């Protein structure tokens, strides 16, 4: 279950960011996850709850922002969103598209925090 190690990494990075911001508590973490990231969202949320116990993130929400698979079509000269990951062809002209522009992301987009009083 690699989601547990991913969750630990997310928690560590979020703790570091919260310390820099002098946050009293983290309320939510927004995470951008691309369709090609190889992450099972339900398992990641479950592991996040475990990994965040006893930290400034305990009780916070992990909000997953799905990032669609977007490729560059050299024939149409534009980015196109693909409906799935099984077929890397432009839905307009059916040209094979090998240049992936979006869909591999696994990154923290933002933190929602409560500021400390002092």
Foldseek 3Di string as FASTA:
>chain_A
DCLLVVLLVVLVVVLVVCVVQQFQAWAEWEKEAFQPQPDDVVVNQVSNQVNCPPHSHHPHGYHYDYKFWWFADPVVRDIDTDPHDPAQAHPPPRHRTDGTDDGNGTGTPDIHGHHDPD
